[in-house]
Amino acid sequence: MLDNVHAVENVGGDQAVAAQAFRLRQLGWDANASHPERGQGPVGWPPRDAYLEVALTGGDLAFIRDCLERGLVTTRFLVDSLSTEDRSRADQEESLRLKLAALDALDAIQPDPPA
């Protein structure tokens, strides 16, 4: 998700949003690089149920929530569109499920206090 936000905003969009998405994406990559279960989950990451520690502030969490909520609009549109092919619809339904799960997980996260 942050990859997409960064890519879209980096080309003629909001450079501050692109920079924040890049920074948060890098935090995840850094945490992944030292994770003992790296590569055992999707596309080189730890399994989805593995604990991956990333230090986030309240502002980071709000940014991530906003990105997920904006992404839900597009994903729901694609799921509901009559022109979406079955295979693509199944992919979008999975994306919708993961975005909703990520929003639920955000509710359980306590941000680190500002340094």
PDB file of N, CA and C in Angstrom:
ATOM      1  N   MET A   1       0.816  -1.181   0.000  1.00  0.00           N
ATOM      2  CA  MET A   1       0.000   0.000   0.000  1.00  0.00           C
ATOM      3  C   MET A   1       0.865   1.250   0.000  1.00  0.00           C
ATOM      4  N   LEU A   2       1.871   1.294   0.876  1.00  0.00           N
ATOM      5  CA  LEU A   2       2.750   2.461   0.913  1.00  0.00           C
ATOM      6  C   LEU A   2       3.553   2.587  -0.372  1.00  0.00           C
ATOM      7  N   ASP A   3       3.863   1.455  -1.016  1.00  0.00           N
ATOM      8  CA  ASP A   3       4.527   1.504  -2.322  1.00  0.00           C
ATOM      9  C   ASP A   3       3.674   2.284  -3.317  1.00  0.00           C
ATOM     10  N   ASN A   4       2.377   1.959  -3.347  1.00  0.00           N
ATOM     11  CA  ASN A   4       1.476   2.629  -4.281  1.00  0.00           C
ATOM     12  C   ASN A   4       1.331   4.110  -3.963  1.00  0.00           C
ATOM     13  N   VAL A   5       1.170   4.438  -2.694  1.00  0.00           N
ATOM     14  CA  VAL A   5       1.036   5.841  -2.294  1.00  0.00           C
ATOM     15  C   VAL A   5       2.289   6.605  -2.710  1.00  0.00           C
ATOM     16  N   HIS A   6       3.449   6.048  -2.428  1.00  0.00           N
ATOM     17  CA  HIS A   6       4.704   6.710  -2.793  1.00  0.00           C
ATOM     18  C   HIS A   6       4.790   6.902  -4.303  1.00  0.00           C
ATOM     19  N   ALA A   7       4.502   5.849  -5.073  1.00  0.00           N
ATOM     20  CA  ALA A   7       4.630   5.922  -6.529  1.00  0.00           C
ATOM     21  C   ALA A   7       3.692   6.966  -7.127  1.00  0.00           C
ATOM     22  N   VAL A   8       2.451   6.970  -6.677  1.00  0.00           N
ATOM     23  CA  VAL A   8       1.465   7.912  -7.227  1.00  0.00           C
ATOM     24  C   VAL A   8       1.826   9.347  -6.861  1.00  0.00           C
ATOM     25  N   GLU A   9       2.115   9.588  -5.604  1.00  0.00           N
ATOM     26  CA  GLU A   9       2.396  10.957  -5.152  1.00  0.00           C
ATOM     27  C   GLU A   9       3.749  11.470  -5.641  1.00  0.00           C
ATOM     28  N   ASN A  10       4.669  10.576  -5.920  1.00  0.00           N
ATOM     29  CA  ASN A  10       6.006  10.985  -6.358  1.00  0.00           C
ATOM     30  C   ASN A  10       6.000  11.504  -7.798  1.00  0.00           C
ATOM     31  N   VAL A  11       4.956  11.194  -8.553  1.00  0.00           N
ATOM     32  CA  VAL A  11       4.867  11.638  -9.940  1.00  0.00           C
ATOM     33  C   VAL A  11       3.774  12.698 -10.045  1.00  0.00           C
ATOM     34  N   GLY A  12       4.150  13.934  -9.814  1.00  0.00           N
ATOM     35  CA  GLY A  12       3.216  15.037  -9.952  1.00  0.00           C
ATOM     36  C   GLY A  12       2.234  15.197  -8.818  1.00  0.00           C
ATOM     37  N   GLY A  13       2.456  14.494  -7.720  1.00  0.00           N
ATOM     38  CA  GLY A  13       1.546  14.593  -6.585  1.00  0.00           C
ATOM     39  C   GLY A  13       2.145  15.395  -5.450  1.00  0.00           C
ATOM     40  N   ASP A  14       1.749  15.058  -4.256  1.00  0.00           N
ATOM     41  CA  ASP A  14       2.198  15.737  -3.045  1.00  0.00           C
ATOM     42  C   ASP A  14       3.516  15.121  -2.586  1.00  0.00           C
ATOM     43  N   GLN A  15       4.586  15.872  -2.709  1.00  0.00           N
ATOM     44  CA  GLN A  15       5.917  15.359  -2.378  1.00  0.00           C
ATOM     45  C   GLN A  15       6.070  15.058  -0.888  1.00  0.00           C
ATOM     46  N   ALA A  16       5.362  15.785  -0.034  1.00  0.00           N
ATOM     47  CA  ALA A  16       5.425  15.497   1.405  1.00  0.00           C
ATOM     48  C   ALA A  16       4.789  14.146   1.701  1.00  0.00           C
ATOM     49  N   VAL A  17       3.687  13.840   1.035  1.00  0.00           N
ATOM     50  CA  VAL A  17       3.035  12.538   1.198  1.00  0.00           C
ATOM     51  C   VAL A  17       3.935  11.445   0.657  1.00  0.00           C
ATOM     52  N   ALA A  18       4.544  11.682  -0.506  1.00  0.00           N
ATOM     53  CA  ALA A  18       5.468  10.703  -1.088  1.00  0.00           C
ATOM     54  C   ALA A  18       6.626  10.437  -0.134  1.00  0.00           C
ATOM     55  N   ALA A  19       7.171  11.485   0.464  1.00  0.00           N
ATOM     56  CA  ALA A  19       8.301  11.324   1.384  1.00  0.00           C
ATOM     57  C   ALA A  19       7.900  10.561   2.641  1.00  0.00           C
ATOM     58  N   GLN A  20       6.722  10.843   3.173  1.00  0.00           N
ATOM     59  CA  GLN A  20       6.279  10.126   4.379  1.00  0.00           C
ATOM     60  C   GLN A  20       6.024   8.655   4.063  1.00  0.00           C
ATOM     61  N   ALA A  21       5.418   8.373   2.925  1.00  0.00           N
ATOM     62  CA  ALA A  21       5.185   6.975   2.530  1.00  0.00           C
ATOM     63  C   ALA A  21       6.527   6.260   2.355  1.00  0.00           C
ATOM     64  N   PHE A  22       7.492   6.932   1.739  1.00  0.00           N
ATOM     65  CA  PHE A  22       8.809   6.324   1.542  1.00  0.00           C
ATOM     66  C   PHE A  22       9.485   6.038   2.884  1.00  0.00           C
ATOM     67  N   ARG A  23       9.406   7.000   3.810  1.00  0.00           N
ATOM     68  CA  ARG A  23      10.034   6.826   5.124  1.00  0.00           C
ATOM     69  C   ARG A  23       9.424   5.646   5.872  1.00  0.00           C
ATOM     70  N   LEU A  24       8.107   5.560   5.879  1.00  0.00           N
ATOM     71  CA  LEU A  24       7.439   4.463   6.576  1.00  0.00           C
ATOM     72  C   LEU A  24       7.707   3.123   5.890  1.00  0.00           C
ATOM     73  N   ARG A  25       7.732   3.139   4.585  1.00  0.00           N
ATOM     74  CA  ARG A  25       8.060   1.928   3.823  1.00  0.00           C
ATOM     75  C   ARG A  25       9.465   1.457   4.183  1.00  0.00           C
ATOM     76  N   GLN A  26      10.391   2.393   4.308  1.00  0.00           N
ATOM     77  CA  GLN A  26      11.769   2.048   4.667  1.00  0.00           C
ATOM     78  C   GLN A  26      11.858   1.472   6.084  1.00  0.00           C
ATOM     79  N   LEU A  27      11.070   2.001   7.009  1.00  0.00           N
ATOM     80  CA  LEU A  27      11.040   1.442   8.360  1.00  0.00           C
ATOM     81  C   LEU A  27      10.625  -0.030   8.326  1.00  0.00           C
ATOM     82  N   GLY A  28       9.626  -0.340   7.516  1.00  0.00           N
ATOM     83  CA  GLY A  28       9.186  -1.726   7.376  1.00  0.00           C
ATOM     84  C   GLY A  28      10.261  -2.594   6.747  1.00  0.00           C
ATOM     85  N   TRP A  29      10.909  -2.092   5.715  1.00  0.00           N
ATOM     86  CA  TRP A  29      11.981  -2.856   5.073  1.00  0.00           C
ATOM     87  C   TRP A  29      13.126  -3.123   6.046  1.00  0.00           C
ATOM     88  N   ASP A  30      13.467  -2.102   6.837  1.00  0.00           N
ATOM     89  CA  ASP A  30      14.551  -2.267   7.816  1.00  0.00           C
ATOM     90  C   ASP A  30      14.191  -3.327   8.858  1.00  0.00           C
ATOM     91  N   ALA A  31      12.940  -3.300   9.326  1.00  0.00           N
ATOM     92  CA  ALA A  31      12.493  -4.305  10.302  1.00  0.00           C
ATOM     93  C   ALA A  31      12.487  -5.695   9.672  1.00  0.00           C
ATOM     94  N   ASN A  32      12.099  -5.783   8.426  1.00  0.00           N
ATOM     95  CA  ASN A  32      12.072  -7.061   7.723  1.00  0.00           C
ATOM     96  C   ASN A  32      13.479  -7.622   7.554  1.00  0.00           C
ATOM     97  N   ALA A  33      14.439  -6.765   7.280  1.00  0.00           N
ATOM     98  CA  ALA A  33      15.804  -7.217   6.990  1.00  0.00           C
ATOM     99  C   ALA A  33      16.411  -8.023   8.129  1.00  0.00           C
ATOM    100  N   SER A  34      16.039  -7.713   9.367  1.00  0.00           N
ATOM    101  CA  SER A  34      16.620  -8.417  10.507  1.00  0.00           C
ATOM    102  C   SER A  34      15.657  -9.426  11.152  1.00  0.00           C
ATOM    103  N   HIS A  35      14.506  -9.631  10.546  1.00  0.00           N
ATOM    104  CA  HIS A  35      13.516 -10.530  11.139  1.00  0.00           C
ATOM    105  C   HIS A  35      13.932 -11.988  10.928  1.00  0.00           C
ATOM    106  N   PRO A  36      13.882 -12.810  11.979  1.00  0.00           N
ATOM    107  CA  PRO A  36      14.314 -14.212  11.845  1.00  0.00           C
ATOM    108  C   PRO A  36      13.448 -15.048  10.899  1.00  0.00           C
ATOM    109  N   GLU A  37      12.210 -14.621  10.638  1.00  0.00           N
ATOM    110  CA  GLU A  37      11.331 -15.378   9.739  1.00  0.00           C
ATOM    111  C   GLU A  37      11.196 -14.709   8.368  1.00  0.00           C
ATOM    112  N   ARG A  38      12.113 -13.799   8.074  1.00  0.00           N
ATOM    113  CA  ARG A  38      12.080 -13.102   6.788  1.00  0.00           C
ATOM    114  C   ARG A  38      12.059 -14.118   5.649  1.00  0.00           C
ATOM    115  N   GLY A  39      11.203 -13.862   4.672  1.00  0.00           N
ATOM    116  CA  GLY A  39      11.115 -14.735   3.510  1.00  0.00           C
ATOM    117  C   GLY A  39      10.150 -15.892   3.656  1.00  0.00           C
ATOM    118  N   GLN A  40       9.585 -16.075   4.837  1.00  0.00           N
ATOM    119  CA  GLN A  40       8.662 -17.190   5.044  1.00  0.00           C
ATOM    120  C   GLN A  40       7.206 -16.795   4.795  1.00  0.00           C
ATOM    121  N   GLY A  41       6.994 -15.522   4.514  1.00  0.00           N
ATOM    122  CA  GLY A  41       5.648 -15.035   4.213  1.00  0.00           C
ATOM    123  C   GLY A  41       5.568 -14.543   2.780  1.00  0.00           C
ATOM    124  N   PRO A  42       4.551 -13.760   2.470  1.00  0.00           N
ATOM    125  CA  PRO A  42       4.378 -13.267   1.106  1.00  0.00           C
ATOM    126  C   PRO A  42       5.519 -12.355   0.670  1.00  0.00           C
ATOM    127  N   VAL A  43       5.925 -12.504  -0.555  1.00  0.00           N
ATOM    128  CA  VAL A  43       6.928 -11.667  -1.246  1.00  0.00           C
ATOM    129  C   VAL A  43       8.133 -11.269  -0.384  1.00  0.00           C
ATOM    130  N   GLY A  44       8.694 -12.236   0.323  1.00  0.00           N
ATOM    131  CA  GLY A  44       9.921 -11.997   1.069  1.00  0.00           C
ATOM    132  C   GLY A  44       9.761 -11.506   2.496  1.00  0.00           C
ATOM    133  N   TRP A  45       8.539 -11.303   2.940  1.00  0.00           N
ATOM    134  CA  TRP A  45       8.279 -10.823   4.289  1.00  0.00           C
ATOM    135  C   TRP A  45       8.129 -11.998   5.249  1.00  0.00           C
ATOM    136  N   PRO A  46       8.120 -11.728   6.544  1.00  0.00           N
ATOM    137  CA  PRO A  46       7.778 -12.784   7.510  1.00  0.00           C
ATOM    138  C   PRO A  46       6.320 -13.204   7.304  1.00  0.00           C
ATOM    139  N   PRO A  47       5.906 -14.319   7.895  1.00  0.00           N
ATOM    140  CA  PRO A  47       4.490 -14.708   7.812  1.00  0.00           C
ATOM    141  C   PRO A  47       3.587 -13.584   8.329  1.00  0.00           C
ATOM    142  N   ARG A  48       2.384 -13.510   7.807  1.00  0.00           N
ATOM    143  CA  ARG A  48       1.471 -12.417   8.187  1.00  0.00           C
ATOM    144  C   ARG A  48       1.181 -12.382   9.680  1.00  0.00           C
ATOM    145  N   ASP A  49       1.267 -13.528  10.359  1.00  0.00           N
ATOM    146  CA  ASP A  49       0.970 -13.536  11.796  1.00  0.00           C
ATOM    147  C   ASP A  49       2.210 -13.328  12.658  1.00  0.00           C
ATOM    148  N   ALA A  50       3.364 -13.080  12.037  1.00  0.00           N
ATOM    149  CA  ALA A  50       4.605 -12.843  12.791  1.00  0.00           C
ATOM    150  C   ALA A  50       4.616 -11.422  13.359  1.00  0.00           C
ATOM    151  N   TYR A  51       5.282 -11.272  14.477  1.00  0.00           N
ATOM    152  CA  TYR A  51       5.436  -9.959  15.106  1.00  0.00           C
ATOM    153  C   TYR A  51       6.575  -9.226  14.408  1.00  0.00           C
ATOM    154  N   LEU A  52       6.300  -8.031  13.916  1.00  0.00           N
ATOM    155  CA  LEU A  52       7.303  -7.211  13.238  1.00  0.00           C
ATOM    156  C   LEU A  52       7.299  -5.851  13.912  1.00  0.00           C
ATOM    157  N   GLU A  53       8.350  -5.564  14.652  1.00  0.00           N
ATOM    158  CA  GLU A  53       8.391  -4.330  15.435  1.00  0.00           C
ATOM    159  C   GLU A  53       8.873  -3.163  14.587  1.00  0.00           C
ATOM    160  N   VAL A  54       8.027  -2.126  14.526  1.00  0.00           N
ATOM    161  CA  VAL A  54       8.337  -0.895  13.813  1.00  0.00           C
ATOM    162  C   VAL A  54       7.902   0.256  14.717  1.00  0.00           C
ATOM    163  N   ALA A  55       8.830   1.162  15.013  1.00  0.00           N
ATOM    164  CA  ALA A  55       8.517   2.307  15.875  1.00  0.00           C
ATOM    165  C   ALA A  55       7.718   3.344  15.075  1.00  0.00           C
ATOM    166  N   LEU A  56       6.486   3.589  15.516  1.00  0.00           N
ATOM    167  CA  LEU A  56       5.601   4.538  14.845  1.00  0.00           C
ATOM    168  C   LEU A  56       5.089   5.573  15.826  1.00  0.00           C
ATOM    169  N   THR A  57       4.892   6.766  15.322  1.00  0.00           N
ATOM    170  CA  THR A  57       4.302   7.834  16.130  1.00  0.00           C
ATOM    171  C   THR A  57       2.802   7.886  15.851  1.00  0.00           C
ATOM    172  N   GLY A  58       2.098   8.672  16.631  1.00  0.00           N
ATOM    173  CA  GLY A  58       0.673   8.865  16.386  1.00  0.00           C
ATOM    174  C   GLY A  58       0.419   9.441  14.999  1.00  0.00           C
ATOM    175  N   GLY A  59       1.290  10.343  14.555  1.00  0.00           N
ATOM    176  CA  GLY A  59       1.164  10.910  13.209  1.00  0.00           C
ATOM    177  C   GLY A  59       1.356   9.858  12.130  1.00  0.00           C
ATOM    178  N   ASP A  60       2.300   8.940  12.360  1.00  0.00           N
ATOM    179  CA  ASP A  60       2.516   7.843  11.407  1.00  0.00           C
ATOM    180  C   ASP A  60       1.272   6.975  11.300  1.00  0.00           C
ATOM    181  N   LEU A  61       0.688   6.646  12.454  1.00  0.00           N
ATOM    182  CA  LEU A  61      -0.507   5.806  12.465  1.00  0.00           C
ATOM    183  C   LEU A  61      -1.669   6.497  11.761  1.00  0.00           C
ATOM    184  N   ALA A  62      -1.820   7.791  11.975  1.00  0.00           N
ATOM    185  CA  ALA A  62      -2.884   8.544  11.313  1.00  0.00           C
ATOM    186  C   ALA A  62      -2.666   8.564   9.800  1.00  0.00           C
ATOM    187  N   PHE A  63      -1.426   8.721   9.372  1.00  0.00           N
ATOM    188  CA  PHE A  63      -1.090   8.713   7.953  1.00  0.00           C
ATOM    189  C   PHE A  63      -1.433   7.357   7.331  1.00  0.00           C
ATOM    190  N   ILE A  64      -1.027   6.287   7.996  1.00  0.00           N
ATOM    191  CA  ILE A  64      -1.294   4.942   7.497  1.00  0.00           C
ATOM    192  C   ILE A  64      -2.794   4.689   7.430  1.00  0.00           C
ATOM    193  N   ARG A  65      -3.511   5.095   8.471  1.00  0.00           N
ATOM    194  CA  ARG A  65      -4.971   4.930   8.489  1.00  0.00           C
ATOM    195  C   ARG A  65      -5.600   5.683   7.310  1.00  0.00           C
ATOM    196  N   ASP A  66      -5.165   6.901   7.076  1.00  0.00           N
ATOM    197  CA  ASP A  66      -5.706   7.694   5.978  1.00  0.00           C
ATOM    198  C   ASP A  66      -5.444   7.012   4.633  1.00  0.00           C
ATOM    199  N   CYS A  67      -4.237   6.497   4.452  1.00  0.00           N
ATOM    200  CA  CYS A  67      -3.897   5.799   3.202  1.00  0.00           C
ATOM    201  C   CYS A  67      -4.781   4.565   3.015  1.00  0.00           C
ATOM    202  N   LEU A  68      -4.963   3.804   4.076  1.00  0.00           N
ATOM    203  CA  LEU A  68      -5.819   2.617   3.997  1.00  0.00           C
ATOM    204  C   LEU A  68      -7.269   2.992   3.681  1.00  0.00           C
ATOM    205  N   GLU A  69      -7.770   4.015   4.344  1.00  0.00           N
ATOM    206  CA  GLU A  69      -9.161   4.419   4.127  1.00  0.00           C
ATOM    207  C   GLU A  69      -9.370   4.929   2.702  1.00  0.00           C
ATOM    208  N   ARG A  70      -8.394   5.691   2.171  1.00  0.00           N
ATOM    209  CA  ARG A  70      -8.508   6.152   0.789  1.00  0.00           C
ATOM    210  C   ARG A  70      -8.430   4.970  -0.171  1.00  0.00           C
ATOM    211  N   GLY A  71      -7.571   4.003   0.137  1.00  0.00           N
ATOM    212  CA  GLY A  71      -7.457   2.814  -0.697  1.00  0.00           C
ATOM    213  C   GLY A  71      -8.722   1.969  -0.705  1.00  0.00           C
ATOM    214  N   LEU A  72      -9.445   1.980   0.405  1.00  0.00           N
ATOM    215  CA  LEU A  72     -10.698   1.223   0.485  1.00  0.00           C
ATOM    216  C   LEU A  72     -11.716   1.706  -0.546  1.00  0.00           C
ATOM    217  N   VAL A  73     -11.729   2.995  -0.796  1.00  0.00           N
ATOM    218  CA  VAL A  73     -12.682   3.553  -1.759  1.00  0.00           C
ATOM    219  C   VAL A  73     -12.457   2.928  -3.137  1.00  0.00           C
ATOM    220  N   THR A  74     -11.210   2.918  -3.574  1.00  0.00           N
ATOM    221  CA  THR A  74     -10.882   2.341  -4.882  1.00  0.00           C
ATOM    222  C   THR A  74     -11.132   0.841  -4.898  1.00  0.00           C
ATOM    223  N   THR A  75     -10.715   0.155  -3.849  1.00  0.00           N
ATOM    224  CA  THR A  75     -10.881  -1.294  -3.802  1.00  0.00           C
ATOM    225  C   THR A  75     -12.351  -1.676  -3.821  1.00  0.00           C
ATOM    226  N   ARG A  76     -13.167  -0.997  -3.051  1.00  0.00           N
ATOM    227  CA  ARG A  76     -14.611  -1.292  -3.050  1.00  0.00           C
ATOM    228  C   ARG A  76     -15.227  -1.032  -4.425  1.00  0.00           C
ATOM    229  N   PHE A  77     -14.783   0.044  -5.076  1.00  0.00           N
ATOM    230  CA  PHE A  77     -15.275   0.339  -6.422  1.00  0.00           C
ATOM    231  C   PHE A  77     -14.957  -0.815  -7.364  1.00  0.00           C
ATOM    232  N   LEU A  78     -13.723  -1.324  -7.312  1.00  0.00           N
ATOM    233  CA  LEU A  78     -13.323  -2.419  -8.198  1.00  0.00           C
ATOM    234  C   LEU A  78     -14.067  -3.715  -7.886  1.00  0.00           C
ATOM    235  N   VAL A  79     -14.297  -3.974  -6.606  1.00  0.00           N
ATOM    236  CA  VAL A  79     -15.056  -5.172  -6.227  1.00  0.00           C
ATOM    237  C   VAL A  79     -16.488  -5.078  -6.752  1.00  0.00           C
ATOM    238  N   ASP A  80     -17.082  -3.900  -6.670  1.00  0.00           N
ATOM    239  CA  ASP A  80     -18.487  -3.721  -7.041  1.00  0.00           C
ATOM    240  C   ASP A  80     -18.716  -3.501  -8.539  1.00  0.00           C
ATOM    241  N   SER A  81     -17.653  -3.181  -9.280  1.00  0.00           N
ATOM    242  CA  SER A  81     -17.799  -2.862 -10.693  1.00  0.00           C
ATOM    243  C   SER A  81     -18.177  -4.098 -11.516  1.00  0.00           C
ATOM    244  N   LEU A  82     -19.167  -3.946 -12.354  1.00  0.00           N
ATOM    245  CA  LEU A  82     -19.590  -5.040 -13.228  1.00  0.00           C
ATOM    246  C   LEU A  82     -18.526  -5.359 -14.277  1.00  0.00           C
ATOM    247  N   SER A  83     -17.645  -4.417 -14.559  1.00  0.00           N
ATOM    248  CA  SER A  83     -16.631  -4.644 -15.590  1.00  0.00           C
ATOM    249  C   SER A  83     -15.370  -5.329 -15.055  1.00  0.00           C
ATOM    250  N   THR A  84     -15.289  -5.515 -13.729  1.00  0.00           N
ATOM    251  CA  THR A  84     -14.132  -6.195 -13.148  1.00  0.00           C
ATOM    252  C   THR A  84     -14.233  -7.695 -13.406  1.00  0.00           C
ATOM    253  N   GLU A  85     -13.183  -8.256 -14.023  1.00  0.00           N
ATOM    254  CA  GLU A  85     -13.179  -9.691 -14.317  1.00  0.00           C
ATOM    255  C   GLU A  85     -13.089 -10.481 -13.015  1.00  0.00           C
ATOM    256  N   ASP A  86     -13.570 -11.730 -13.067  1.00  0.00           N
ATOM    257  CA  ASP A  86     -13.665 -12.563 -11.867  1.00  0.00           C
ATOM    258  C   ASP A  86     -12.329 -12.689 -11.135  1.00  0.00           C
ATOM    259  N   ARG A  87     -11.241 -12.958 -11.855  1.00  0.00           N
ATOM    260  CA  ARG A  87      -9.925 -13.130 -11.215  1.00  0.00           C
ATOM    261  C   ARG A  87      -9.483 -11.835 -10.539  1.00  0.00           C
ATOM    262  N   SER A  88      -9.672 -10.729 -11.225  1.00  0.00           N
ATOM    263  CA  SER A  88      -9.316  -9.429 -10.656  1.00  0.00           C
ATOM    264  C   SER A  88     -10.206  -9.114  -9.457  1.00  0.00           C
ATOM    265  N   ARG A  89     -11.492  -9.454  -9.560  1.00  0.00           N
ATOM    266  CA  ARG A  89     -12.409  -9.219  -8.436  1.00  0.00           C
ATOM    267  C   ARG A  89     -11.959 -10.007  -7.211  1.00  0.00           C
ATOM    268  N   ALA A  90     -11.531 -11.253  -7.416  1.00  0.00           N
ATOM    269  CA  ALA A  90     -11.053 -12.072  -6.293  1.00  0.00           C
ATOM    270  C   ALA A  90      -9.819 -11.432  -5.663  1.00  0.00           C
ATOM    271  N   ASP A  91      -8.930 -10.910  -6.478  1.00  0.00           N
ATOM    272  CA  ASP A  91      -7.740 -10.219  -5.950  1.00  0.00           C
ATOM    273  C   ASP A  91      -8.141  -8.982  -5.157  1.00  0.00           C
ATOM    274  N   GLN A  92      -9.112  -8.233  -5.685  1.00  0.00           N
ATOM    275  CA  GLN A  92      -9.562  -7.026  -5.001  1.00  0.00           C
ATOM    276  C   GLN A  92     -10.305  -7.365  -3.707  1.00  0.00           C
ATOM    277  N   GLU A  93     -11.048  -8.471  -3.707  1.00  0.00           N
ATOM    278  CA  GLU A  93     -11.718  -8.895  -2.470  1.00  0.00           C
ATOM    279  C   GLU A  93     -10.691  -9.241  -1.403  1.00  0.00           C
ATOM    280  N   GLU A  94      -9.597  -9.893  -1.793  1.00  0.00           N
ATOM    281  CA  GLU A  94      -8.515 -10.195  -0.843  1.00  0.00           C
ATOM    282  C   GLU A  94      -7.862  -8.902  -0.360  1.00  0.00           C
ATOM    283  N   SER A  95      -7.647  -7.971  -1.270  1.00  0.00           N
ATOM    284  CA  SER A  95      -7.084  -6.675  -0.891  1.00  0.00           C
ATOM    285  C   SER A  95      -7.996  -5.954   0.091  1.00  0.00           C
ATOM    286  N   LEU A  96      -9.286  -6.015  -0.153  1.00  0.00           N
ATOM    287  CA  LEU A  96     -10.258  -5.396   0.750  1.00  0.00           C
ATOM    288  C   LEU A  96     -10.193  -6.034   2.128  1.00  0.00           C
ATOM    289  N   ARG A  97     -10.133  -7.360   2.171  1.00  0.00           N
ATOM    290  CA  ARG A  97     -10.050  -8.075   3.448  1.00  0.00           C
ATOM    291  C   ARG A  97      -8.790  -7.665   4.205  1.00  0.00           C
ATOM    292  N   LEU A  98      -7.660  -7.585   3.508  1.00  0.00           N
ATOM    293  CA  LEU A  98      -6.394  -7.228   4.162  1.00  0.00           C
ATOM    294  C   LEU A  98      -6.398  -5.776   4.651  1.00  0.00           C
ATOM    295  N   LYS A  99      -6.964  -4.873   3.865  1.00  0.00           N
ATOM    296  CA  LYS A  99      -7.041  -3.469   4.295  1.00  0.00           C
ATOM    297  C   LYS A  99      -7.910  -3.328   5.538  1.00  0.00           C
ATOM    298  N   LEU A 100      -9.043  -4.021   5.556  1.00  0.00           N
ATOM    299  CA  LEU A 100      -9.917  -3.965   6.733  1.00  0.00           C
ATOM    300  C   LEU A 100      -9.228  -4.572   7.955  1.00  0.00           C
ATOM    301  N   ALA A 101      -8.489  -5.660   7.758  1.00  0.00           N
ATOM    302  CA  ALA A 101      -7.736  -6.266   8.865  1.00  0.00           C
ATOM    303  C   ALA A 101      -6.650  -5.318   9.354  1.00  0.00           C
ATOM    304  N   ALA A 102      -6.007  -4.618   8.430  1.00  0.00           N
ATOM    305  CA  ALA A 102      -4.968  -3.660   8.823  1.00  0.00           C
ATOM    306  C   ALA A 102      -5.567  -2.514   9.632  1.00  0.00           C
ATOM    307  N   LEU A 103      -6.745  -2.052   9.240  1.00  0.00           N
ATOM    308  CA  LEU A 103      -7.407  -0.998  10.015  1.00  0.00           C
ATOM    309  C   LEU A 103      -7.763  -1.496  11.412  1.00  0.00           C
ATOM    310  N   ASP A 104      -8.232  -2.723  11.516  1.00  0.00           N
ATOM    311  CA  ASP A 104      -8.525  -3.296  12.837  1.00  0.00           C
ATOM    312  C   ASP A 104      -7.248  -3.385  13.669  1.00  0.00           C
ATOM    313  N   ALA A 105      -6.147  -3.796  13.042  1.00  0.00           N
ATOM    314  CA  ALA A 105      -4.874  -3.916  13.758  1.00  0.00           C
ATOM    315  C   ALA A 105      -4.376  -2.560  14.234  1.00  0.00           C
ATOM    316  N   LEU A 106      -4.602  -1.519  13.457  1.00  0.00           N
ATOM    317  CA  LEU A 106      -4.184  -0.172  13.863  1.00  0.00           C
ATOM    318  C   LEU A 106      -4.844   0.239  15.172  1.00  0.00           C
ATOM    319  N   ASP A 107      -6.070  -0.206  15.370  1.00  0.00           N
ATOM    320  CA  ASP A 107      -6.785   0.138  16.604  1.00  0.00           C
ATOM    321  C   ASP A 107      -6.088  -0.427  17.851  1.00  0.00           C
ATOM    322  N   ALA A 108      -5.310  -1.482  17.668  1.00  0.00           N
ATOM    323  CA  ALA A 108      -4.639  -2.127  18.795  1.00  0.00           C
ATOM    324  C   ALA A 108      -3.227  -1.612  19.032  1.00  0.00           C
ATOM    325  N   ILE A 109      -2.726  -0.771  18.152  1.00  0.00           N
ATOM    326  CA  ILE A 109      -1.330  -0.293  18.248  1.00  0.00           C
ATOM    327  C   ILE A 109      -1.261   0.939  19.136  1.00  0.00           C
ATOM    328  N   GLN A 110      -0.268   0.941  19.999  1.00  0.00           N
ATOM    329  CA  GLN A 110       0.034   2.108  20.811  1.00  0.00           C
ATOM    330  C   GLN A 110       1.259   2.786  20.220  1.00  0.00           C
ATOM    331  N   PRO A 111       1.151   4.027  19.762  1.00  0.00           N
ATOM    332  CA  PRO A 111       2.322   4.686  19.165  1.00  0.00           C
ATOM    333  C   PRO A 111       3.394   4.982  20.212  1.00  0.00           C
ATOM    334  N   ASP A 112       4.640   5.005  19.748  1.00  0.00           N
ATOM    335  CA  ASP A 112       5.736   5.417  20.616  1.00  0.00           C
ATOM    336  C   ASP A 112       5.589   6.900  20.897  1.00  0.00           C
ATOM    337  N   PRO A 113       5.932   7.352  22.106  1.00  0.00           N
ATOM    338  CA  PRO A 113       5.860   8.792  22.385  1.00  0.00           C
ATOM    339  C   PRO A 113       6.906   9.518  21.561  1.00  0.00           C
ATOM    340  N   PRO A 114       6.646  10.791  21.209  1.00  0.00           N
ATOM    341  CA  PRO A 114       7.628  11.547  20.437  1.00  0.00           C
ATOM    342  C   PRO A 114       8.957  11.603  21.172  1.00  0.00           C
ATOM    343  N   ALA A 115      10.031  11.529  20.416  1.00  0.00           N
ATOM    344  CA  ALA A 115      11.383  11.565  21.005  1.00  0.00           C
ATOM    345  C   ALA A 115      11.790  12.978  21.370  1.00  0.00           C
TER     346      ALA A 115
END
